[in-house]
Amino acid sequence: MLEDFLSLFEQEVFLQTLDILVRSWPIWLPVLSLNIAFHLWLDYIRRLWMNEQGSVLLEIKIPKDVPKTPAGMEFVFDGLWEPAALSTPADTFWEGKLRDWFSLEIVSIGGEVKFFIWSLPRWKKIIESRIYAQYPGAQVVEVKDYALDLVYDPEKFSYWGITTKLNKPDAYPIKTYIDYQLDKTKLKEQEEAVDPLTPLIEYLGTLKSGEIAGIQIMIQAHRKEGLLDAKLLLKPDWKGGIKDEIKKIIEEESFIKPEEGKSQSMMTLSESQKDTIKSIERNAGKLAFDAMMRMLYVAPKDDYEKTRGMGLIGSTRQFGTHNLNGIRPDKFMSITHAWQDFNDIMKRKLQRTHLNAYKRRSFFNIPYKNLNGKSYILTTEELATLFHLPGAMATTPTLSRAPSKKAEAPANLPI
């Protein structure tokens, strides 16, 4: 009886809802049509603008001796922080302009490890000058895009890929080069220092001929978002979350409870919690980027190794700690159980879109906006930890380095 009554009730509600929709179509149909037309127009003009811009891929050839700490790369990223590309509504809604974005890439092509920066062409001179200013012995060369040679052919190749996310809210930084005390390391002490990037480079150096693996860090300058970003509602920046997390540590996570009548304070925190707050405050003072790190591994079917993906993930764990933040996998480009995916249809779709997004360096904008994940905040300090020119502690023989500069002969040599 009860089930029959509920069934009648549900049927009555459905009919009433349908009747309201039919009667109110003069209101909702034009609004829906305008919304669809608006987004189609935005997609169209943004595609035109992106096609007009083009792109460049710059390879950074690392000098044999790198006298600078990762702080040098922080200065490079400071110069890439440009949030004001959109200044008028016409820029957004008529010309289709977008905030500039970049891709920082560490790639192994058959075991040869290379560093790349992908950008819009107008940034080429800025990137070159910034890198040369910090690393005089480096070479910055515009090269053919290696990713264009990657094709989706599941009959001949096997594919693996992931997008990532943070373990904790954006306010918590990952373990950076400052935590590893690399900011205090001198050139003669580099061989004894611990560089968190070295395990990743070493692992990429173990790939064999035919295998390709890439770490791609997509970034764009972080800012408040509003009308100029085609958003009706204001999206605040990340600074508000920083205050909330510090307040949470002090008021909710303190191991020591204050005396009755007294409020929580820094005095009631453990040394570890105090260090966490110091790291949060230090990181908050740096320029911030919206970011997404994704990984890709491609190999001929006969050479494909299933453990490569887990090796790549494991090579990034040193960037995280329990008290701070860390980077972990979010979405895998595979299906867990074969019975969930008839004839590998979904698996192939996931792999194809991941590969195309990687090749296009697309994440913040069309055609693969927010593909399989959400962007998170990485500051210049965090980016410099994940992407910097390694010094003498990186001994990987297949790490691509610039040839040593030849000195001119002394002028006073006898003839």
Protein backbone atom coordinates (compact mmCIF):
# COMPACT_ATOMS: atom_id res chain seq x y z
CA MET A 1 0.00 0.00 0.00
CA LEU A 2 2.73 2.46 0.98
CA GLU A 3 4.69 1.72 -2.20
CA ASP A 4 1.59 2.30 -4.34
CA PHE A 5 0.95 5.60 -2.58
CA LEU A 6 4.54 6.78 -3.07
CA SER A 7 4.40 5.72 -6.74
CA LEU A 8 1.25 7.80 -7.27
CA PHE A 9 2.85 10.74 -5.45
CA GLU A 10 5.99 10.57 -7.56
CA GLN A 11 3.89 10.35 -10.73
CA GLU A 12 1.83 13.37 -9.65
CA VAL A 13 4.97 15.42 -8.90
CA PHE A 14 6.47 14.49 -12.26
CA LEU A 15 3.32 15.53 -14.14
CA GLN A 16 3.13 18.84 -12.28
CA THR A 17 6.79 19.56 -12.99
CA LEU A 18 6.33 18.73 -16.67
CA ASP A 19 3.26 20.99 -16.83
CA ILE A 20 5.21 23.90 -15.31
CA LEU A 21 8.05 23.43 -17.81
CA VAL A 22 5.65 23.37 -20.76
CA ARG A 23 3.81 26.48 -19.60
CA SER A 24 6.98 28.43 -18.79
CA TRP A 25 8.93 27.70 -21.99
CA PRO A 26 8.71 31.35 -23.19
CA ILE A 27 10.88 32.20 -20.18
CA TRP A 28 13.45 29.41 -19.90
CA LEU A 29 13.92 28.52 -23.58
CA PRO A 30 15.27 31.95 -24.67
CA VAL A 31 17.55 32.05 -21.60
CA LEU A 32 18.88 28.56 -22.34
CA SER A 33 19.34 29.38 -26.04
CA LEU A 34 21.23 32.60 -25.23
CA ASN A 35 23.47 30.74 -22.79
CA ILE A 36 24.33 28.08 -25.37
CA ALA A 37 24.92 30.70 -28.07
CA PHE A 38 27.12 32.75 -25.70
CA HIS A 39 29.39 29.79 -24.89
CA LEU A 40 29.57 28.72 -28.54
CA TRP A 41 30.66 32.26 -29.45
CA LEU A 42 33.30 32.30 -26.72
CA ASP A 43 34.68 28.94 -27.86
CA TYR A 44 34.80 30.15 -31.46
CA ILE A 45 36.64 33.43 -30.87
CA ARG A 46 39.02 31.80 -28.36
CA ARG A 47 39.96 29.13 -30.88
CA LEU A 48 40.66 31.85 -33.45
CA TRP A 49 42.81 33.80 -30.98
CA MET A 50 44.75 30.70 -29.93
CA ASN A 51 45.42 29.70 -33.54
CA GLU A 52 46.72 33.20 -34.31
CA GLN A 53 49.17 33.12 -31.37
CA GLY A 54 51.09 29.96 -32.27
CA SER A 55 53.64 28.53 -29.82
CA VAL A 56 57.34 27.85 -29.27
CA LEU A 57 59.14 25.03 -27.48
CA LEU A 58 62.42 26.04 -25.86
CA GLU A 59 64.92 23.41 -24.74
CA ILE A 60 67.15 24.39 -21.83
CA LYS A 61 70.54 22.75 -22.13
CA ILE A 62 72.00 22.52 -18.65
CA PRO A 63 75.59 23.62 -18.03
CA LYS A 64 77.98 21.15 -16.43
CA ASP A 65 78.34 23.35 -13.36
CA VAL A 66 75.22 25.08 -11.99
CA PRO A 67 76.43 27.60 -9.39
CA LYS A 68 72.92 28.83 -8.60
CA THR A 69 70.48 27.20 -6.18
CA PRO A 70 66.87 26.63 -7.29
CA ALA A 71 66.28 30.22 -6.16
CA GLY A 72 67.64 31.20 -9.58
CA MET A 73 64.68 29.49 -11.22
CA GLU A 74 62.35 31.40 -8.89
CA PHE A 75 63.51 34.61 -10.57
CA VAL A 76 62.71 33.05 -13.94
CA PHE A 77 59.16 32.24 -12.83
CA ASP A 78 58.73 35.70 -11.29
CA GLY A 79 59.12 37.04 -14.83
CA LEU A 80 56.39 34.72 -16.16
CA TRP A 81 53.75 35.90 -13.69
CA GLU A 82 51.47 38.09 -15.80
CA PRO A 83 47.80 38.06 -14.73
CA ALA A 84 46.66 41.22 -16.57
CA ALA A 85 46.46 40.00 -20.18
CA LEU A 86 42.75 40.92 -20.17
CA SER A 87 42.05 44.60 -19.55
CA THR A 88 38.67 45.33 -21.16
CA PRO A 89 35.43 43.40 -21.85
CA ALA A 90 36.23 43.66 -25.57
CA ASP A 91 39.41 41.62 -24.98
CA THR A 92 37.34 38.81 -23.52
CA PHE A 93 34.06 38.85 -25.42
CA TRP A 94 35.11 40.15 -28.85
CA GLU A 95 38.75 39.25 -29.40
CA GLY A 96 38.73 36.02 -27.38
CA LYS A 97 41.94 36.80 -25.47
CA LEU A 98 43.03 34.48 -22.68
CA ARG A 99 45.52 34.69 -19.86
CA ASP A 100 48.91 33.47 -21.05
CA TRP A 101 49.89 29.99 -19.96
CA PHE A 102 53.08 27.94 -19.97
CA SER A 103 54.17 24.33 -19.79
CA LEU A 104 57.28 23.28 -17.85
CA GLU A 105 58.40 19.85 -19.05
CA ILE A 106 60.95 17.26 -17.99
CA VAL A 107 61.01 14.59 -20.67
CA SER A 108 62.86 11.36 -21.28
CA ILE A 109 63.17 10.36 -24.92
CA GLY A 110 64.66 6.89 -24.95
CA GLY A 111 66.46 7.66 -21.68
CA GLU A 112 67.85 11.06 -22.73
CA VAL A 113 66.48 13.56 -20.20
CA LYS A 114 65.64 17.04 -21.45
CA PHE A 115 64.17 20.23 -19.95
CA PHE A 116 61.66 22.27 -21.98
CA ILE A 117 59.51 25.37 -21.56
CA TRP A 118 56.53 25.72 -23.91
CA SER A 119 55.02 29.19 -24.32
CA LEU A 120 53.38 31.68 -26.65
CA PRO A 121 55.98 33.19 -29.04
CA ARG A 122 55.98 36.66 -27.44
CA TRP A 123 57.51 35.16 -24.28
CA LYS A 124 60.54 33.68 -26.02
CA LYS A 125 62.90 36.64 -25.47
CA ILE A 126 61.77 37.09 -21.86
CA ILE A 127 62.38 33.42 -21.03
CA GLU A 128 65.80 33.45 -22.74
CA SER A 129 66.94 36.61 -20.97
CA ARG A 130 65.73 35.42 -17.58
CA ILE A 131 67.47 32.05 -17.88
CA TYR A 132 70.72 33.52 -19.20
CA ALA A 133 70.70 36.08 -16.37
CA GLN A 134 70.56 33.31 -13.77
CA TYR A 135 72.42 30.53 -15.62
CA PRO A 136 75.06 32.10 -17.91
CA GLY A 137 76.42 28.69 -18.95
CA ALA A 138 73.03 27.36 -20.08
CA GLN A 139 71.80 27.29 -23.66
CA VAL A 140 68.20 28.04 -24.65
CA VAL A 141 67.33 26.68 -28.08
CA GLU A 142 64.04 26.72 -29.96
CA VAL A 143 63.41 23.15 -31.09
CA LYS A 144 60.87 21.08 -32.97
CA ASP A 145 58.06 19.93 -30.69
CA TYR A 146 58.79 16.31 -29.77
CA ALA A 147 55.12 15.81 -28.79
CA LEU A 148 53.98 16.20 -32.39
CA ASP A 149 55.61 12.86 -33.16
CA LEU A 150 53.40 11.13 -30.59
CA VAL A 151 50.45 9.51 -32.35
CA TYR A 152 47.59 7.50 -30.95
CA ASP A 153 47.87 4.02 -32.42
CA PRO A 154 46.80 1.41 -29.84
CA GLU A 155 47.65 -1.40 -32.24
CA LYS A 156 51.36 -0.48 -32.09
CA PHE A 157 51.81 1.49 -28.86
CA SER A 158 50.73 1.28 -25.23
CA TYR A 159 49.88 4.36 -23.18
CA TRP A 160 49.74 5.40 -19.53
CA GLY A 161 48.94 8.78 -18.01
CA ILE A 162 47.60 10.59 -14.95
CA THR A 163 46.51 13.98 -13.75
CA THR A 164 47.33 15.01 -10.19
CA LYS A 165 46.02 16.87 -7.15
CA LEU A 166 47.30 18.07 -3.78
CA ASN A 167 46.97 16.04 -0.58
CA LYS A 168 45.83 19.10 1.39
CA PRO A 169 44.32 22.55 0.71
CA ASP A 170 46.30 25.01 -1.43
CA ALA A 171 47.46 26.93 1.66
CA TYR A 172 49.87 24.13 2.59
CA PRO A 173 53.08 24.17 0.50
CA ILE A 174 54.82 21.06 -0.73
CA LYS A 175 58.29 20.30 0.66
CA THR A 176 60.47 22.80 -1.18
CA TYR A 177 64.15 23.30 -1.86
CA ILE A 178 64.31 25.62 1.17
CA ASP A 179 63.12 22.77 3.40
CA TYR A 180 65.94 20.69 1.86
CA GLN A 181 68.30 23.63 2.65
CA LEU A 182 69.37 23.87 -0.97
CA ASP A 183 69.16 27.65 -0.68
CA LYS A 184 72.28 27.47 1.53
CA THR A 185 74.23 25.03 -0.63
CA LYS A 186 77.43 26.25 -2.25
CA LEU A 187 78.79 24.87 -5.51
CA LYS A 188 81.55 22.86 -3.81
CA GLU A 189 78.97 21.30 -1.48
CA GLN A 190 76.51 20.25 -4.18
CA GLU A 191 77.69 16.66 -4.43
CA GLU A 192 76.77 16.14 -0.77
CA ALA A 193 73.42 17.95 -0.99
CA VAL A 194 70.02 16.30 -1.40
CA ASP A 195 68.13 17.59 -4.42
CA PRO A 196 64.53 16.30 -4.49
CA LEU A 197 64.54 16.49 -8.29
CA THR A 198 67.40 14.00 -8.64
CA PRO A 199 65.35 10.77 -8.10
CA LEU A 200 62.98 11.80 -10.88
CA ILE A 201 65.83 12.59 -13.29
CA GLU A 202 67.61 9.35 -12.42
CA TYR A 203 64.46 7.32 -13.04
CA LEU A 204 63.74 9.04 -16.35
CA GLY A 205 67.31 8.20 -17.35
CA THR A 206 66.54 4.47 -17.09
CA LEU A 207 64.14 4.46 -20.03
CA LYS A 208 65.15 2.43 -23.07
CA SER A 209 65.13 3.29 -26.76
CA GLY A 210 61.58 3.74 -28.02
CA GLU A 211 60.15 4.68 -24.61
CA ILE A 212 59.00 8.26 -23.96
CA ALA A 213 57.94 9.67 -20.58
CA GLY A 214 57.06 13.25 -19.79
CA ILE A 215 56.26 15.34 -16.70
CA GLN A 216 54.24 18.36 -17.78
CA ILE A 217 53.50 21.21 -15.36
CA MET A 218 50.90 23.56 -16.82
CA ILE A 219 50.86 27.01 -15.19
CA GLN A 220 49.16 30.38 -15.53
CA ALA A 221 49.29 33.39 -13.22
CA HIS A 222 46.75 33.13 -10.41
CA ARG A 223 44.36 35.99 -9.65
CA LYS A 224 40.80 36.78 -8.66
CA GLU A 225 38.43 35.87 -11.48
CA GLY A 226 35.39 37.83 -12.54
CA LEU A 227 33.68 39.33 -15.59
CA LEU A 228 36.89 39.56 -17.64
CA ASP A 229 37.25 35.80 -17.21
CA ALA A 230 33.66 35.31 -18.44
CA LYS A 231 32.43 34.57 -14.91
CA LEU A 232 29.27 36.18 -13.53
CA LEU A 233 30.24 35.40 -9.94
CA LEU A 234 33.52 36.62 -8.48
CA LYS A 235 35.98 33.83 -7.69
CA PRO A 236 38.30 35.00 -4.90
CA ASP A 237 42.02 34.32 -4.84
CA TRP A 238 43.66 31.77 -2.55
CA LYS A 239 44.71 34.15 0.23
CA GLY A 240 41.47 33.74 2.19
CA GLY A 241 42.09 30.01 2.50
CA ILE A 242 45.51 30.66 4.03
CA LYS A 243 44.03 32.53 6.99
CA ASP A 244 41.42 29.82 7.49
CA GLU A 245 44.01 27.02 7.58
CA ILE A 246 46.28 28.82 10.06
CA LYS A 247 43.27 29.52 12.27
CA LYS A 248 42.29 25.85 12.05
CA ILE A 249 45.76 24.69 13.14
CA ILE A 250 45.79 27.05 16.13
CA GLU A 251 42.21 26.52 17.31
CA GLU A 252 41.44 22.91 16.39
CA GLU A 253 44.68 20.95 16.00
CA SER A 254 46.68 22.12 18.99
CA PHE A 255 47.97 19.23 21.14
CA ILE A 256 48.05 21.43 24.24
CA LYS A 257 44.79 22.85 25.52
CA PRO A 258 44.96 26.33 27.10
CA GLU A 259 43.97 27.02 30.69
CA GLU A 260 40.33 27.73 31.35
CA GLY A 261 39.38 31.22 30.29
CA LYS A 262 42.35 31.62 27.94
CA SER A 263 42.24 31.39 24.14
CA GLN A 264 44.39 29.27 21.86
CA SER A 265 47.66 30.82 20.69
CA MET A 266 50.96 29.92 19.07
CA MET A 267 52.26 29.06 22.56
CA THR A 268 49.98 26.01 22.69
CA LEU A 269 51.30 24.52 19.45
CA SER A 270 53.97 21.88 19.02
CA GLU A 271 57.23 22.76 17.28
CA SER A 272 56.10 20.82 14.22
CA GLN A 273 52.87 22.83 14.01
CA LYS A 274 54.79 26.09 14.41
CA ASP A 275 57.10 25.05 11.57
CA THR A 276 54.05 24.26 9.42
CA ILE A 277 52.61 27.73 10.01
CA LYS A 278 55.99 29.33 9.22
CA SER A 279 56.12 27.40 5.94
CA ILE A 280 52.56 28.46 5.07
CA GLU A 281 53.34 32.12 5.79
CA ARG A 282 56.61 32.01 3.83
CA ASN A 283 54.89 30.42 0.84
CA ALA A 284 52.03 32.93 1.01
CA GLY A 285 54.50 35.73 0.33
CA LYS A 286 55.43 34.29 -3.08
CA LEU A 287 53.73 34.83 -6.44
CA ALA A 288 51.17 32.11 -7.11
CA PHE A 289 50.22 30.17 -10.25
CA ASP A 290 47.26 28.00 -11.11
CA ALA A 291 48.87 24.67 -11.93
CA MET A 292 48.33 21.10 -13.07
CA MET A 293 51.03 18.44 -13.22
CA ARG A 294 50.31 15.50 -15.50
CA MET A 295 52.38 12.55 -16.61
CA LEU A 296 52.54 10.54 -19.82
CA TYR A 297 54.32 7.33 -20.76
CA VAL A 298 54.29 5.88 -24.28
CA ALA A 299 56.16 2.85 -25.62
CA PRO A 300 55.89 0.26 -28.40
CA LYS A 301 53.79 -2.68 -27.24
CA ASP A 302 56.77 -5.03 -27.08
CA ASP A 303 58.82 -2.55 -25.00
CA TYR A 304 56.04 -1.28 -22.71
CA GLU A 305 56.69 -1.81 -18.99
CA LYS A 306 53.66 -1.66 -16.68
CA THR A 307 55.75 -0.55 -13.72
CA ARG A 308 56.94 2.67 -15.40
CA GLY A 309 53.88 4.60 -14.27
CA MET A 310 54.31 3.59 -10.64
CA GLY A 311 58.00 4.50 -10.91
CA LEU A 312 57.12 8.00 -12.10
CA ILE A 313 54.64 8.47 -9.27
CA GLY A 314 57.13 7.17 -6.71
CA SER A 315 59.80 9.56 -8.00
CA THR A 316 57.70 12.56 -6.88
CA ARG A 317 56.91 11.47 -3.31
CA GLN A 318 59.90 13.35 -1.88
CA PHE A 319 58.05 16.62 -2.59
CA GLY A 320 55.56 15.90 0.19
CA THR A 321 55.51 15.43 3.95
CA HIS A 322 52.84 14.61 6.52
CA ASN A 323 52.87 18.12 8.03
CA LEU A 324 52.96 19.98 4.72
CA ASN A 325 51.47 19.13 1.33
CA GLY A 326 52.19 16.66 -1.42
CA ILE A 327 51.27 15.83 -5.01
CA ARG A 328 49.42 12.60 -5.72
CA PRO A 329 47.58 10.96 -8.62
CA ASP A 330 44.03 12.06 -9.30
CA LYS A 331 42.68 10.45 -12.48
CA PHE A 332 44.31 7.49 -14.24
CA MET A 333 43.89 7.04 -17.99
CA SER A 334 42.65 3.48 -17.58
CA ILE A 335 39.68 1.45 -16.37
CA THR A 336 40.10 -0.59 -13.18
CA HIS A 337 38.19 -3.69 -14.27
CA ALA A 338 37.94 -5.09 -17.79
CA TRP A 339 34.23 -5.92 -17.35
CA GLN A 340 33.51 -2.19 -16.88
CA ASP A 341 34.71 -1.36 -20.38
CA PHE A 342 33.50 -3.41 -23.34
CA ASN A 343 36.16 -3.72 -26.03
CA ASP A 344 38.33 -1.04 -24.29
CA ILE A 345 36.13 1.74 -25.65
CA MET A 346 36.37 4.01 -22.57
CA LYS A 347 40.05 3.22 -22.01
CA ARG A 348 40.93 4.26 -25.55
CA LYS A 349 38.91 7.44 -25.28
CA LEU A 350 40.67 8.40 -22.03
CA GLN A 351 44.09 7.69 -23.51
CA ARG A 352 43.40 9.58 -26.72
CA THR A 353 42.11 12.71 -24.98
CA HIS A 354 44.98 12.67 -22.46
CA LEU A 355 47.53 12.39 -25.27
CA ASN A 356 45.88 15.17 -27.31
CA ALA A 357 45.67 17.46 -24.28
CA TYR A 358 49.35 16.81 -23.58
CA LYS A 359 50.31 17.64 -27.17
CA ARG A 360 48.18 20.82 -27.21
CA ARG A 361 49.29 21.89 -23.69
CA SER A 362 45.60 22.32 -23.01
CA PHE A 363 44.13 22.43 -19.54
CA PHE A 364 43.10 25.97 -18.58
CA ASN A 365 41.26 26.60 -21.85
CA ILE A 366 39.49 24.83 -24.70
CA PRO A 367 39.47 22.21 -26.09
CA TYR A 368 40.36 20.31 -22.89
CA LYS A 369 39.49 22.76 -20.13
CA ASN A 370 39.90 21.15 -16.68
CA LEU A 371 40.33 17.71 -18.26
CA ASN A 372 40.21 15.02 -15.54
CA GLY A 373 40.98 17.37 -12.68
CA LYS A 374 41.02 20.84 -11.15
CA SER A 375 43.93 23.23 -11.06
CA TYR A 376 45.69 23.89 -7.76
CA ILE A 377 48.05 26.55 -6.46
CA LEU A 378 51.82 26.32 -6.77
CA THR A 379 53.98 29.32 -5.90
CA THR A 380 57.28 30.26 -7.52
CA GLU A 381 59.12 28.53 -4.67
CA GLU A 382 57.20 25.29 -5.22
CA LEU A 383 57.63 25.47 -9.01
CA ALA A 384 61.37 26.09 -8.63
CA THR A 385 61.53 22.92 -6.53
CA LEU A 386 59.73 20.85 -9.17
CA PHE A 387 61.51 22.39 -12.16
CA HIS A 388 65.08 23.72 -11.84
CA LEU A 389 68.46 23.10 -13.40
CA PRO A 390 70.16 20.42 -11.29
CA GLY A 391 73.76 20.80 -10.18
CA ALA A 392 76.54 18.30 -9.64
CA MET A 393 74.33 16.07 -7.47
CA ALA A 394 72.54 14.92 -10.65
CA THR A 395 74.98 12.45 -12.20
CA THR A 396 72.62 10.87 -14.73
CA PRO A 397 74.84 10.29 -17.80
CA THR A 398 71.89 10.76 -20.19
CA LEU A 399 70.93 14.18 -18.78
CA SER A 400 71.19 16.58 -21.71
CA ARG A 401 73.82 19.22 -20.86
CA ALA A 402 75.27 22.15 -22.76
CA PRO A 403 78.82 21.70 -24.05
CA SER A 404 81.48 23.53 -22.08
CA LYS A 405 82.29 26.97 -23.44
CA LYS A 406 85.69 27.28 -25.08
CA ALA A 407 87.83 30.07 -23.69
CA GLU A 408 89.68 32.38 -26.06
CA ALA A 409 93.46 32.02 -26.26
CA PRO A 410 95.47 34.55 -24.18
CA ALA A 411 96.58 37.60 -26.17
CA ASN A 412 100.22 37.37 -25.02
CA LEU A 413 101.00 33.89 -26.41
CA PRO A 414 104.30 33.79 -28.41
CA ILE A 415 103.89 33.52 -32.18
